[in-house]
Amino acid sequence: LKKIATLFILPVFLFSCKGQDITLKEGDMAP
């Protein structure tokens, strides 16, 4: 059960911590 939980939780953790792609571009006002 621990192995199954690790296999499920680790990818979810990595995905949730990955963040978003940068959408700012040259010419934009800096937030």
PDB file of all heavy atoms in Angstrom:
ATOM      1  N   LEU A   1       0.826  -1.196   0.000  1.00  0.00           N
ATOM      2  CA  LEU A   1       0.000   0.000   0.000  1.00  0.00           C
ATOM      3  C   LEU A   1       0.871   1.261   0.000  1.00  0.00           C
ATOM      4  O   LEU A   1       0.551   2.238  -0.667  1.00  0.00           O
ATOM      5  CB  LEU A   1      -0.933  -0.004   1.219  1.00  0.00           C
ATOM      6  CG  LEU A   1      -1.995   1.089   1.262  1.00  0.00           C
ATOM      7  CD1 LEU A   1      -2.843   1.052  -0.008  1.00  0.00           C
ATOM      8  CD2 LEU A   1      -2.873   0.915   2.472  1.00  0.00           C
ATOM      9  N   LYS A   2       2.002   1.206   0.734  1.00  0.00           N
ATOM     10  CA  LYS A   2       2.927   2.337   0.762  1.00  0.00           C
ATOM     11  C   LYS A   2       3.489   2.614  -0.631  1.00  0.00           C
ATOM     12  O   LYS A   2       3.612   3.765  -1.043  1.00  0.00           O
ATOM     13  CB  LYS A   2       4.088   2.028   1.724  1.00  0.00           C
ATOM     14  CG  LYS A   2       4.184   2.941   2.873  1.00  0.00           C
ATOM     15  CD  LYS A   2       5.427   2.613   3.663  1.00  0.00           C
ATOM     16  CE  LYS A   2       5.354   3.309   5.002  1.00  0.00           C
ATOM     17  NZ  LYS A   2       6.482   3.032   5.832  1.00  0.00           N
ATOM     18  N   LYS A   3       3.857   1.564  -1.353  1.00  0.00           N
ATOM     19  CA  LYS A   3       4.394   1.726  -2.707  1.00  0.00           C
ATOM     20  C   LYS A   3       3.369   2.359  -3.638  1.00  0.00           C
ATOM     21  O   LYS A   3       3.690   3.253  -4.406  1.00  0.00           O
ATOM     22  CB  LYS A   3       4.827   0.373  -3.284  1.00  0.00           C
ATOM     23  CG  LYS A   3       6.190  -0.061  -2.882  1.00  0.00           C
ATOM     24  CD  LYS A   3       6.575  -1.311  -3.632  1.00  0.00           C
ATOM     25  CE  LYS A   3       7.967  -1.742  -3.273  1.00  0.00           C
ATOM     26  NZ  LYS A   3       8.380  -2.944  -3.955  1.00  0.00           N
ATOM     27  N   ILE A   4       2.136   1.882  -3.548  1.00  0.00           N
ATOM     28  CA  ILE A   4       1.070   2.431  -4.393  1.00  0.00           C
ATOM     29  C   ILE A   4       0.839   3.900  -4.055  1.00  0.00           C
ATOM     30  O   ILE A   4       0.723   4.738  -4.951  1.00  0.00           O
ATOM     31  CB  ILE A   4      -0.230   1.604  -4.247  1.00  0.00           C
ATOM     32  CG1 ILE A   4      -0.009   0.206  -4.826  1.00  0.00           C
ATOM     33  CG2 ILE A   4      -1.399   2.305  -4.934  1.00  0.00           C
ATOM     34  CD1 ILE A   4      -1.128  -0.752  -4.533  1.00  0.00           C
ATOM     35  N   ALA A   5       0.801   4.207  -2.763  1.00  0.00           N
ATOM     36  CA  ALA A   5       0.592   5.594  -2.337  1.00  0.00           C
ATOM     37  C   ALA A   5       1.733   6.478  -2.836  1.00  0.00           C
ATOM     38  O   ALA A   5       1.512   7.580  -3.331  1.00  0.00           O
ATOM     39  CB  ALA A   5       0.476   5.676  -0.820  1.00  0.00           C
ATOM     40  N   THR A   6       2.968   5.990  -2.732  1.00  0.00           N
ATOM     41  CA  THR A   6       4.136   6.756  -3.196  1.00  0.00           C
ATOM     42  C   THR A   6       4.070   6.972  -4.698  1.00  0.00           C
ATOM     43  O   THR A   6       4.344   8.073  -5.183  1.00  0.00           O
ATOM     44  CB  THR A   6       5.444   6.022  -2.822  1.00  0.00           C
ATOM     45  OG1 THR A   6       5.479   5.862  -1.404  1.00  0.00           O
ATOM     46  CG2 THR A   6       6.654   6.817  -3.274  1.00  0.00           C
ATOM     47  N   LEU A   7       3.710   5.949  -5.438  1.00  0.00           N
ATOM     48  CA  LEU A   7       3.625   6.070  -6.891  1.00  0.00           C
ATOM     49  C   LEU A   7       2.552   7.074  -7.316  1.00  0.00           C
ATOM     50  O   LEU A   7       2.677   7.747  -8.329  1.00  0.00           O
ATOM     51  CB  LEU A   7       3.346   4.712  -7.526  1.00  0.00           C
ATOM     52  CG  LEU A   7       4.500   3.717  -7.473  1.00  0.00           C
ATOM     53  CD1 LEU A   7       4.048   2.361  -7.997  1.00  0.00           C
ATOM     54  CD2 LEU A   7       5.684   4.228  -8.274  1.00  0.00           C
ATOM     55  N   PHE A   8       1.501   7.187  -6.513  1.00  0.00           N
ATOM     56  CA  PHE A   8       0.433   8.133  -6.827  1.00  0.00           C
ATOM     57  C   PHE A   8       0.753   9.539  -6.333  1.00  0.00           C
ATOM     58  O   PHE A   8       0.613  10.511  -7.055  1.00  0.00           O
ATOM     59  CB  PHE A   8      -0.889   7.656  -6.222  1.00  0.00           C
ATOM     60  CG  PHE A   8      -2.003   8.655  -6.398  1.00  0.00           C
ATOM     61  CD1 PHE A   8      -2.588   8.838  -7.648  1.00  0.00           C
ATOM     62  CD2 PHE A   8      -2.431   9.430  -5.340  1.00  0.00           C
ATOM     63  CE1 PHE A   8      -3.596   9.775  -7.823  1.00  0.00           C
ATOM     64  CE2 PHE A   8      -3.442  10.362  -5.507  1.00  0.00           C
ATOM     65  CZ  PHE A   8      -4.021  10.531  -6.759  1.00  0.00           C
ATOM     66  N   ILE A   9       1.208   9.660  -5.092  1.00  0.00           N
ATOM     67  CA  ILE A   9       1.407  10.961  -4.457  1.00  0.00           C
ATOM     68  C   ILE A   9       2.589  11.720  -5.049  1.00  0.00           C
ATOM     69  O   ILE A   9       2.500  12.919  -5.274  1.00  0.00           O
ATOM     70  CB  ILE A   9       1.564  10.801  -2.929  1.00  0.00           C
ATOM     71  CG1 ILE A   9       0.237  10.315  -2.343  1.00  0.00           C
ATOM     72  CG2 ILE A   9       2.004  12.101  -2.282  1.00  0.00           C
ATOM     73  CD1 ILE A   9       0.303   9.931  -0.901  1.00  0.00           C
ATOM     74  N   LEU A  10       3.705  11.063  -5.339  1.00  0.00           N
ATOM     75  CA  LEU A  10       4.885  11.757  -5.846  1.00  0.00           C
ATOM     76  C   LEU A  10       4.609  12.502  -7.144  1.00  0.00           C
ATOM     77  O   LEU A  10       4.903  13.696  -7.233  1.00  0.00           O
ATOM     78  CB  LEU A  10       6.063  10.785  -6.006  1.00  0.00           C
ATOM     79  CG  LEU A  10       7.386  11.432  -6.426  1.00  0.00           C
ATOM     80  CD1 LEU A  10       7.828  12.475  -5.408  1.00  0.00           C
ATOM     81  CD2 LEU A  10       8.449  10.377  -6.599  1.00  0.00           C
ATOM     82  N   PRO A  11       4.012  11.871  -8.158  1.00  0.00           N
ATOM     83  CA  PRO A  11       3.718  12.639  -9.382  1.00  0.00           C
ATOM     84  C   PRO A  11       2.752  13.800  -9.148  1.00  0.00           C
ATOM     85  O   PRO A  11       2.900  14.859  -9.735  1.00  0.00           O
ATOM     86  CB  PRO A  11       3.108  11.605 -10.329  1.00  0.00           C
ATOM     87  CG  PRO A  11       3.563  10.287  -9.814  1.00  0.00           C
ATOM     88  CD  PRO A  11       3.725  10.455  -8.332  1.00  0.00           C
ATOM     89  N   VAL A  12       1.777  13.611  -8.279  1.00  0.00           N
ATOM     90  CA  VAL A  12       0.828  14.685  -7.975  1.00  0.00           C
ATOM     91  C   VAL A  12       1.569  15.834  -7.302  1.00  0.00           C
ATOM     92  O   VAL A  12       1.387  17.005  -7.634  1.00  0.00           O
ATOM     93  CB  VAL A  12      -0.332  14.180  -7.080  1.00  0.00           C
ATOM     94  CG1 VAL A  12      -1.158  15.335  -6.544  1.00  0.00           C
ATOM     95  CG2 VAL A  12      -1.188  13.201  -7.853  1.00  0.00           C
ATOM     96  N   PHE A  13       2.486  15.519  -6.366  1.00  0.00           N
ATOM     97  CA  PHE A  13       3.279  16.540  -5.681  1.00  0.00           C
ATOM     98  C   PHE A  13       4.144  17.292  -6.674  1.00  0.00           C
ATOM     99  O   PHE A  13       4.169  18.515  -6.686  1.00  0.00           O
ATOM    100  CB  PHE A  13       4.154  15.896  -4.600  1.00  0.00           C
ATOM    101  CG  PHE A  13       5.154  16.851  -4.011  1.00  0.00           C
ATOM    102  CD1 PHE A  13       4.752  17.811  -3.100  1.00  0.00           C
ATOM    103  CD2 PHE A  13       6.483  16.801  -4.390  1.00  0.00           C
ATOM    104  CE1 PHE A  13       5.660  18.710  -2.558  1.00  0.00           C
ATOM    105  CE2 PHE A  13       7.395  17.693  -3.859  1.00  0.00           C
ATOM    106  CZ  PHE A  13       6.985  18.641  -2.939  1.00  0.00           C
ATOM    107  N   LEU A  14       4.845  16.569  -7.527  1.00  0.00           N
ATOM    108  CA  LEU A  14       5.722  17.223  -8.491  1.00  0.00           C
ATOM    109  C   LEU A  14       4.929  18.093  -9.456  1.00  0.00           C
ATOM    110  O   LEU A  14       5.333  19.204  -9.784  1.00  0.00           O
ATOM    111  CB  LEU A  14       6.551  16.190  -9.262  1.00  0.00           C
ATOM    112  CG  LEU A  14       7.613  15.465  -8.441  1.00  0.00           C
ATOM    113  CD1 LEU A  14       8.277  14.399  -9.301  1.00  0.00           C
ATOM    114  CD2 LEU A  14       8.638  16.415  -7.875  1.00  0.00           C
ATOM    115  N   PHE A  15       3.787  17.623  -9.901  1.00  0.00           N
ATOM    116  CA  PHE A  15       2.957  18.413 -10.810  1.00  0.00           C
ATOM    117  C   PHE A  15       2.453  19.670 -10.123  1.00  0.00           C
ATOM    118  O   PHE A  15       2.495  20.757 -10.673  1.00  0.00           O
ATOM    119  CB  PHE A  15       1.777  17.583 -11.322  1.00  0.00           C
ATOM    120  CG  PHE A  15       0.867  18.371 -12.218  1.00  0.00           C
ATOM    121  CD1 PHE A  15       1.240  18.650 -13.531  1.00  0.00           C
ATOM    122  CD2 PHE A  15      -0.341  18.855 -11.743  1.00  0.00           C
ATOM    123  CE1 PHE A  15       0.408  19.388 -14.356  1.00  0.00           C
ATOM    124  CE2 PHE A  15      -1.172  19.599 -12.567  1.00  0.00           C
ATOM    125  CZ  PHE A  15      -0.797  19.859 -13.873  1.00  0.00           C
ATOM    126  N   SER A  16       2.005  19.543  -8.883  1.00  0.00           N
ATOM    127  CA  SER A  16       1.433  20.698  -8.191  1.00  0.00           C
ATOM    128  C   SER A  16       2.492  21.725  -7.825  1.00  0.00           C
ATOM    129  O   SER A  16       2.189  22.902  -7.703  1.00  0.00           O
ATOM    130  CB  SER A  16       0.683  20.255  -6.933  1.00  0.00           C
ATOM    131  OG  SER A  16       1.584  19.720  -5.993  1.00  0.00           O
ATOM    132  N   CYS A  17       3.744  21.319  -7.675  1.00  0.00           N
ATOM    133  CA  CYS A  17       4.816  22.257  -7.332  1.00  0.00           C
ATOM    134  C   CYS A  17       5.485  22.841  -8.565  1.00  0.00           C
ATOM    135  O   CYS A  17       6.257  23.771  -8.457  1.00  0.00           O
ATOM    136  CB  CYS A  17       5.886  21.563  -6.486  1.00  0.00           C
ATOM    137  SG  CYS A  17       5.309  21.146  -4.842  1.00  0.00           S
ATOM    138  N   LYS A  18       5.204  22.290  -9.703  1.00  0.00           N
ATOM    139  CA  LYS A  18       5.892  22.707 -10.914  1.00  0.00           C
ATOM    140  C   LYS A  18       5.660  24.175 -11.239  1.00  0.00           C
ATOM    141  O   LYS A  18       6.526  24.854 -11.753  1.00  0.00           O
ATOM    142  CB  LYS A  18       5.445  21.846 -12.096  1.00  0.00           C
ATOM    143  CG  LYS A  18       6.214  22.133 -13.358  1.00  0.00           C
ATOM    144  CD  LYS A  18       5.772  21.222 -14.458  1.00  0.00           C
ATOM    145  CE  LYS A  18       6.506  21.599 -15.738  1.00  0.00           C
ATOM    146  NZ  LYS A  18       5.908  21.038 -16.892  1.00  0.00           N
ATOM    147  N   GLY A  19       4.527  24.700 -10.927  1.00  0.00           N
ATOM    148  CA  GLY A  19       4.248  26.100 -11.234  1.00  0.00           C
ATOM    149  C   GLY A  19       3.687  26.218 -12.629  1.00  0.00           C
ATOM    150  O   GLY A  19       3.393  25.246 -13.292  1.00  0.00           O
ATOM    151  N   GLN A  20       3.562  27.444 -13.075  1.00  0.00           N
ATOM    152  CA  GLN A  20       2.955  27.692 -14.372  1.00  0.00           C
ATOM    153  C   GLN A  20       4.015  28.130 -15.366  1.00  0.00           C
ATOM    154  O   GLN A  20       5.094  28.528 -14.996  1.00  0.00           O
ATOM    155  CB  GLN A  20       1.896  28.776 -14.223  1.00  0.00           C
ATOM    156  CG  GLN A  20       2.498  30.089 -13.740  1.00  0.00           C
ATOM    157  CD  GLN A  20       1.482  30.960 -13.072  1.00  0.00           C
ATOM    158  OE1 GLN A  20       0.646  30.474 -12.329  1.00  0.00           O
ATOM    159  NE2 GLN A  20       1.566  32.246 -13.303  1.00  0.00           N
ATOM    160  N   ASP A  21       3.684  28.046 -16.631  1.00  0.00           N
ATOM    161  CA  ASP A  21       4.573  28.587 -17.643  1.00  0.00           C
ATOM    162  C   ASP A  21       4.517  30.103 -17.546  1.00  0.00           C
ATOM    163  O   ASP A  21       3.486  30.682 -17.226  1.00  0.00           O
ATOM    164  CB  ASP A  21       4.123  28.146 -19.044  1.00  0.00           C
ATOM    165  CG  ASP A  21       4.368  26.672 -19.280  1.00  0.00           C
ATOM    166  OD1 ASP A  21       5.304  26.131 -18.671  1.00  0.00           O
ATOM    167  OD2 ASP A  21       3.612  26.077 -20.070  1.00  0.00           O
ATOM    168  N   ILE A  22       5.632  30.731 -17.843  1.00  0.00           N
ATOM    169  CA  ILE A  22       5.685  32.183 -17.821  1.00  0.00           C
ATOM    170  C   ILE A  22       4.873  32.710 -18.991  1.00  0.00           C
ATOM    171  O   ILE A  22       5.071  32.303 -20.126  1.00  0.00           O
ATOM    172  CB  ILE A  22       7.146  32.654 -17.926  1.00  0.00           C
ATOM    173  CG1 ILE A  22       7.972  32.122 -16.758  1.00  0.00           C
ATOM    174  CG2 ILE A  22       7.216  34.172 -17.956  1.00  0.00           C
ATOM    175  CD1 ILE A  22       9.452  32.318 -16.919  1.00  0.00           C
ATOM    176  N   THR A  23       3.969  33.615 -18.701  1.00  0.00           N
ATOM    177  CA  THR A  23       3.152  34.196 -19.763  1.00  0.00           C
ATOM    178  C   THR A  23       3.586  35.617 -20.081  1.00  0.00           C
ATOM    179  O   THR A  23       3.087  36.209 -21.028  1.00  0.00           O
ATOM    180  CB  THR A  23       1.660  34.195 -19.373  1.00  0.00           C
ATOM    181  OG1 THR A  23       1.508  34.925 -18.154  1.00  0.00           O
ATOM    182  CG2 THR A  23       1.140  32.773 -19.197  1.00  0.00           C
ATOM    183  N   LEU A  24       4.509  36.158 -19.295  1.00  0.00           N
ATOM    184  CA  LEU A  24       5.005  37.501 -19.569  1.00  0.00           C
ATOM    185  C   LEU A  24       5.900  37.472 -20.797  1.00  0.00           C
ATOM    186  O   LEU A  24       6.608  36.503 -21.044  1.00  0.00           O
ATOM    187  CB  LEU A  24       5.798  38.025 -18.370  1.00  0.00           C
ATOM    188  CG  LEU A  24       5.021  38.184 -17.074  1.00  0.00           C
ATOM    189  CD1 LEU A  24       5.950  38.540 -15.938  1.00  0.00           C
ATOM    190  CD2 LEU A  24       3.932  39.226 -17.232  1.00  0.00           C
ATOM    191  N   LYS A  25       5.859  38.584 -21.541  1.00  0.00           N
ATOM    192  CA  LYS A  25       6.718  38.650 -22.726  1.00  0.00           C
ATOM    193  C   LYS A  25       7.267  40.060 -22.878  1.00  0.00           C
ATOM    194  O   LYS A  25       6.766  41.008 -22.265  1.00  0.00           O
ATOM    195  CB  LYS A  25       5.975  38.193 -23.969  1.00  0.00           C
ATOM    196  CG  LYS A  25       4.676  38.878 -24.266  1.00  0.00           C
ATOM    197  CD  LYS A  25       3.908  38.145 -25.359  1.00  0.00           C
ATOM    198  CE  LYS A  25       2.570  38.744 -25.626  1.00  0.00           C
ATOM    199  NZ  LYS A  25       1.681  38.939 -24.527  1.00  0.00           N
ATOM    200  N   GLU A  26       8.288  40.179 -23.702  1.00  0.00           N
ATOM    201  CA  GLU A  26       8.889  41.479 -23.963  1.00  0.00           C
ATOM    202  C   GLU A  26       7.826  42.407 -24.531  1.00  0.00           C
ATOM    203  O   GLU A  26       7.023  42.001 -25.367  1.00  0.00           O
ATOM    204  CB  GLU A  26      10.076  41.327 -24.910  1.00  0.00           C
ATOM    205  CG  GLU A  26      11.215  40.566 -24.267  1.00  0.00           C
ATOM    206  CD  GLU A  26      12.368  40.241 -25.201  1.00  0.00           C
ATOM    207  OE1 GLU A  26      12.422  40.777 -26.326  1.00  0.00           O
ATOM    208  OE2 GLU A  26      13.229  39.440 -24.790  1.00  0.00           O
ATOM    209  N   GLY A  27       7.805  43.638 -24.027  1.00  0.00           N
ATOM    210  CA  GLY A  27       6.798  44.622 -24.434  1.00  0.00           C
ATOM    211  C   GLY A  27       5.654  44.737 -23.443  1.00  0.00           C
ATOM    212  O   GLY A  27       4.910  45.716 -23.471  1.00  0.00           O
ATOM    213  N   ASP A  28       5.491  43.743 -22.553  1.00  0.00           N
ATOM    214  CA  ASP A  28       4.454  43.796 -21.516  1.00  0.00           C
ATOM    215  C   ASP A  28       4.860  44.762 -20.412  1.00  0.00           C
ATOM    216  O   ASP A  28       6.054  44.958 -20.141  1.00  0.00           O
ATOM    217  CB  ASP A  28       4.257  42.423 -20.854  1.00  0.00           C
ATOM    218  CG  ASP A  28       3.547  41.423 -21.726  1.00  0.00           C
ATOM    219  OD1 ASP A  28       3.028  41.821 -22.793  1.00  0.00           O
ATOM    220  OD2 ASP A  28       3.511  40.236 -21.341  1.00  0.00           O
ATOM    221  N   MET A  29       3.862  45.323 -19.739  1.00  0.00           N
ATOM    222  CA  MET A  29       4.132  46.060 -18.502  1.00  0.00           C
ATOM    223  C   MET A  29       4.511  45.036 -17.445  1.00  0.00           C
ATOM    224  O   MET A  29       3.874  43.984 -17.339  1.00  0.00           O
ATOM    225  CB  MET A  29       2.886  46.825 -18.037  1.00  0.00           C
ATOM    226  CG  MET A  29       2.586  48.072 -18.825  1.00  0.00           C
ATOM    227  SD  MET A  29       3.856  49.351 -18.705  1.00  0.00           S
ATOM    228  CE  MET A  29       3.743  49.836 -16.997  1.00  0.00           C
ATOM    229  N   ALA A  30       5.543  45.333 -16.681  1.00  0.00           N
ATOM    230  CA  ALA A  30       5.954  44.434 -15.604  1.00  0.00           C
ATOM    231  C   ALA A  30       4.918  44.500 -14.487  1.00  0.00           C
ATOM    232  O   ALA A  30       4.611  45.594 -13.998  1.00  0.00           O
ATOM    233  CB  ALA A  30       7.327  44.837 -15.081  1.00  0.00           C
ATOM    234  N   PRO A  31       4.353  43.374 -14.098  1.00  0.00           N
ATOM    235  CA  PRO A  31       3.368  43.390 -13.008  1.00  0.00           C
ATOM    236  C   PRO A  31       3.984  43.926 -11.713  1.00  0.00           C
ATOM    237  O   PRO A  31       5.114  43.564 -11.361  1.00  0.00           O
ATOM    238  CB  PRO A  31       2.992  41.917 -12.840  1.00  0.00           C
ATOM    239  CG  PRO A  31       3.353  41.273 -14.137  1.00  0.00           C
ATOM    240  CD  PRO A  31       4.550  42.032 -14.640  1.00  0.00           C
TER     241      PRO A  31
END
